[in-house]
N, C-alpha and C. Protein backbone atom coordinates (compact mmCIF):
# COMPACT_ATOMS: atom_id res chain seq x y z
N MET A 1 167.17 234.86 -52.68
CA MET A 1 166.78 235.99 -53.22
C MET A 1 167.51 237.25 -52.86
N LYS A 2 168.18 237.68 -53.60
CA LYS A 2 168.98 238.77 -53.22
C LYS A 2 168.43 240.11 -52.18
N LYS A 3 169.17 240.60 -51.82
CA LYS A 3 168.29 241.85 -50.73
C LYS A 3 167.90 243.12 -51.64
N LYS A 4 168.26 243.32 -52.76
CA LYS A 4 167.29 244.19 -53.70
C LYS A 4 165.86 244.08 -54.09
N ALA A 5 166.05 242.40 -54.50
CA ALA A 5 165.03 241.96 -55.04
C ALA A 5 163.71 241.59 -53.72
N LYS A 6 164.26 241.51 -52.64
CA LYS A 6 163.47 241.34 -51.53
C LYS A 6 162.54 242.57 -51.28
N LYS A 7 163.44 243.58 -51.37
CA LYS A 7 163.12 244.94 -50.96
C LYS A 7 161.78 245.25 -52.18
N ALA A 8 162.23 244.78 -53.32
CA ALA A 8 161.30 245.36 -54.51
C ALA A 8 159.96 244.48 -54.27
N ALA A 9 160.12 243.03 -53.82
CA ALA A 9 158.75 242.34 -53.60
C ALA A 9 158.39 242.94 -52.49
N ALA A 10 158.69 243.46 -51.37
CA ALA A 10 157.98 244.02 -50.06
C ALA A 10 157.25 245.13 -50.63
N ARG A 11 157.89 246.12 -51.51
CA ARG A 11 157.31 247.55 -51.92
C ARG A 11 155.98 246.79 -52.79
N VAL A 12 156.11 245.80 -53.54
CA VAL A 12 154.84 245.52 -54.53
C VAL A 12 153.86 245.07 -53.57
N VAL A 13 154.10 244.18 -52.55
CA VAL A 13 152.80 243.83 -51.76
C VAL A 13 152.62 245.04 -50.64
N ALA A 14 153.33 245.87 -50.07
CA ALA A 14 152.84 246.96 -49.63
C ALA A 14 151.84 248.12 -50.57
N VAL A 15 152.27 248.15 -51.81
CA VAL A 15 151.50 249.26 -52.79
C VAL A 15 150.05 248.22 -52.78
N ARG A 16 150.22 246.67 -53.15
CA ARG A 16 148.69 245.81 -53.06
C ARG A 16 147.76 246.45 -52.11
N LEU A 17 148.69 246.11 -50.79
CA LEU A 17 147.76 246.45 -49.56
C LEU A 17 147.15 247.55 -49.30
N ILE A 18 148.11 248.87 -49.63
CA ILE A 18 147.26 249.68 -49.65
C ILE A 18 146.27 250.09 -50.58
N SER A 19 146.14 249.69 -51.90
CA SER A 19 145.48 250.02 -52.65
C SER A 19 143.97 249.00 -52.61
N ASP A 20 144.59 248.00 -51.86
CA ASP A 20 143.25 247.29 -51.48
C ASP A 20 142.20 247.71 -50.25
N ALA A 21 143.14 248.69 -49.53
CA ALA A 21 142.48 249.39 -48.29
C ALA A 21 141.71 250.36 -48.43
N GLU A 22 142.20 251.19 -49.58
CA GLU A 22 141.45 252.25 -50.23
C GLU A 22 140.40 251.62 -50.78
N GLN A 23 140.27 250.90 -51.76
CA GLN A 23 139.11 250.38 -52.44
C GLN A 23 137.75 250.09 -51.56
N ARG A 24 138.11 249.60 -50.35
CA ARG A 24 137.09 248.80 -49.48
C ARG A 24 136.69 250.12 -48.41
N SER A 25 136.54 251.48 -48.55
CA SER A 25 136.02 252.42 -47.69
C SER A 25 134.57 252.14 -47.52
N LYS A 26 134.05 252.40 -46.41
CA LYS A 26 132.73 251.80 -45.87
C LYS A 26 132.14 252.87 -46.20
N LYS A 27 130.78 252.73 -46.92
CA LYS A 27 129.45 253.33 -47.50
C LYS A 27 128.68 253.79 -46.31
N LEU A 28 128.72 254.93 -45.91
CA LEU A 28 127.97 255.55 -44.67
C LEU A 28 126.13 255.76 -45.44
N THR A 29 125.33 255.23 -44.93
CA THR A 29 123.87 255.63 -44.85
C THR A 29 123.45 256.97 -44.60
N ALA A 30 121.88 257.23 -45.21
CA ALA A 30 121.65 258.40 -44.48
C ALA A 30 121.38 258.49 -43.22
N GLY A 31 120.81 256.89 -42.51
CA GLY A 31 120.58 256.83 -41.15
C GLY A 31 121.65 256.85 -40.44
N ASP A 32 123.30 256.30 -41.12
CA ASP A 32 124.22 256.51 -40.52
C ASP A 32 124.76 258.18 -39.98
N ALA A 33 124.43 258.80 -41.13
CA ALA A 33 124.57 260.18 -40.97
C ALA A 33 123.70 260.77 -40.03
N ALA A 34 122.54 260.58 -39.75
CA ALA A 34 121.58 260.97 -39.08
C ALA A 34 122.04 260.78 -37.37
N LEU A 35 122.61 259.32 -37.39
CA LEU A 35 123.16 258.64 -36.44
C LEU A 35 124.33 259.79 -35.80
N ILE A 36 125.27 259.98 -36.52
CA ILE A 36 126.29 260.54 -36.39
C ILE A 36 126.09 261.94 -35.92
N LEU A 37 125.30 262.37 -36.35
CA LEU A 37 124.89 264.06 -36.20
C LEU A 37 124.66 264.17 -34.87
N HIS A 38 123.58 263.12 -34.44
CA HIS A 38 122.80 263.01 -33.04
C HIS A 38 123.87 262.77 -31.90
N LEU A 39 125.37 261.88 -32.38
CA LEU A 39 126.21 261.52 -31.16
C LEU A 39 127.35 262.76 -31.36
N VAL A 40 127.31 263.56 -32.20
CA VAL A 40 128.25 265.01 -32.43
C VAL A 40 127.37 265.89 -31.17
N HIS A 41 125.91 265.85 -31.34
CA HIS A 41 125.24 266.91 -30.54
C HIS A 41 125.11 266.41 -29.20
N LEU A 42 125.33 265.09 -28.86
CA LEU A 42 125.63 264.46 -27.70
C LEU A 42 126.81 264.87 -27.06
N GLY A 43 127.70 265.31 -27.79
CA GLY A 43 129.29 265.90 -27.23
C GLY A 43 130.17 264.58 -27.68
N PHE A 44 129.67 263.58 -28.17
CA PHE A 44 130.82 262.92 -28.57
C PHE A 44 132.02 263.28 -29.45
N GLN A 45 133.08 262.90 -29.03
CA GLN A 45 134.27 263.13 -30.05
C GLN A 45 134.15 262.34 -31.75
N HIS A 46 134.70 263.36 -32.38
CA HIS A 46 134.87 262.63 -33.85
C HIS A 46 135.49 261.63 -34.13
N LYS A 47 136.51 261.58 -32.97
CA LYS A 47 137.60 260.72 -33.27
C LYS A 47 136.85 259.23 -32.76
N ARG A 48 135.66 259.24 -31.69
CA ARG A 48 135.26 258.30 -31.29
C ARG A 48 134.28 257.58 -32.13
N ILE A 49 133.45 258.79 -32.50
CA ILE A 49 132.33 258.05 -33.35
C ILE A 49 133.07 257.67 -34.93
N ALA A 50 133.90 258.11 -35.46
CA ALA A 50 134.85 257.72 -36.33
C ALA A 50 135.06 255.99 -36.12
N GLY A 51 135.50 255.53 -35.00
CA GLY A 51 135.68 254.41 -34.68
C GLY A 51 134.81 253.38 -34.62
N LEU A 52 133.37 253.77 -34.05
CA LEU A 52 132.38 253.33 -33.96
C LEU A 52 131.82 252.68 -35.55
N PHE A 53 132.05 253.88 -36.33
CA PHE A 53 131.58 253.59 -37.91
C PHE A 53 132.85 252.72 -38.72
N ASP A 54 134.02 252.86 -38.20
CA ASP A 54 135.04 252.13 -39.11
C ASP A 54 135.33 253.30 -40.33
N VAL A 55 135.43 254.46 -40.06
CA VAL A 55 135.61 255.42 -40.82
C VAL A 55 136.96 256.77 -40.56
N ASN A 56 137.34 257.46 -41.35
CA ASN A 56 138.37 258.78 -40.39
C ASN A 56 137.44 259.64 -40.09
N GLN A 57 138.21 260.25 -39.34
CA GLN A 57 137.89 261.47 -38.65
C GLN A 57 137.17 262.56 -39.79
N GLY A 58 137.89 262.35 -40.88
CA GLY A 58 137.32 263.60 -41.91
C GLY A 58 136.29 263.24 -42.48
N ARG A 59 135.75 262.24 -42.86
CA ARG A 59 134.48 261.47 -42.86
C ARG A 59 133.21 261.97 -42.07
N ILE A 60 133.58 262.24 -40.69
CA ILE A 60 132.82 262.37 -40.09
C ILE A 60 132.45 264.16 -40.07
N ALA A 61 133.49 264.67 -40.19
CA ALA A 61 133.75 266.42 -40.09
C ALA A 61 133.03 266.58 -41.68
N GLU A 62 133.31 265.69 -42.35
CA GLU A 62 132.43 266.12 -43.42
C GLU A 62 130.70 266.08 -43.52
N ILE A 63 130.71 265.09 -42.95
CA ILE A 63 128.92 264.66 -42.62
C ILE A 63 128.40 266.26 -41.59
N VAL A 64 129.13 266.38 -40.54
CA VAL A 64 128.95 267.74 -39.70
C VAL A 64 128.47 268.88 -40.60
N GLY A 65 129.81 269.26 -41.61
CA GLY A 65 129.69 270.29 -42.36
C GLY A 65 128.60 270.33 -43.33
N ARG A 66 128.19 269.47 -43.78
CA ARG A 66 127.64 269.25 -44.80
C ARG A 66 125.89 269.72 -44.26
N ALA A 67 125.79 269.22 -42.80
CA ALA A 67 124.44 269.22 -42.12
C ALA A 67 124.27 270.91 -41.54
N ASN A 68 125.47 271.45 -41.55
CA ASN A 68 125.42 272.84 -41.50
C ASN A 68 125.12 273.92 -42.65
N LEU A 69 124.97 273.63 -43.87
CA LEU A 69 124.90 273.80 -45.15
C LEU A 69 123.39 274.25 -45.46
N PRO A 70 122.98 275.52 -45.67
CA PRO A 70 121.77 275.76 -45.99
C PRO A 70 120.77 274.65 -47.08
N ARG A 71 119.81 274.57 -46.74
CA ARG A 71 118.62 273.63 -47.66
C ARG A 71 118.57 274.28 -48.77
N PRO A 72 118.70 273.77 -50.08
CA PRO A 72 117.93 274.54 -51.19
C PRO A 72 116.49 274.70 -51.30
N ARG A 73 116.00 275.58 -51.88
CA ARG A 73 114.76 275.65 -51.94
C ARG A 73 113.85 274.86 -52.79
N GLU A 74 112.88 274.45 -52.18
CA GLU A 74 111.94 273.37 -53.39
C GLU A 74 110.72 274.20 -54.14
């Protein structure tokens, strides 16, 4: 295989790996969110909680931010 062909093949593999990883994001349940809020309240860092649930820190921050929103009236 020529050098350019090898690089192109490597790019295709990398794109497939990245797209597979994006599709496999973990779904968090309402129970997970409650536990996350409790861990934040106890003083755990977002990065540690994210590691426990195998999600990124942004997902933890999103859950914490939503918990601080006012609830709609029923």
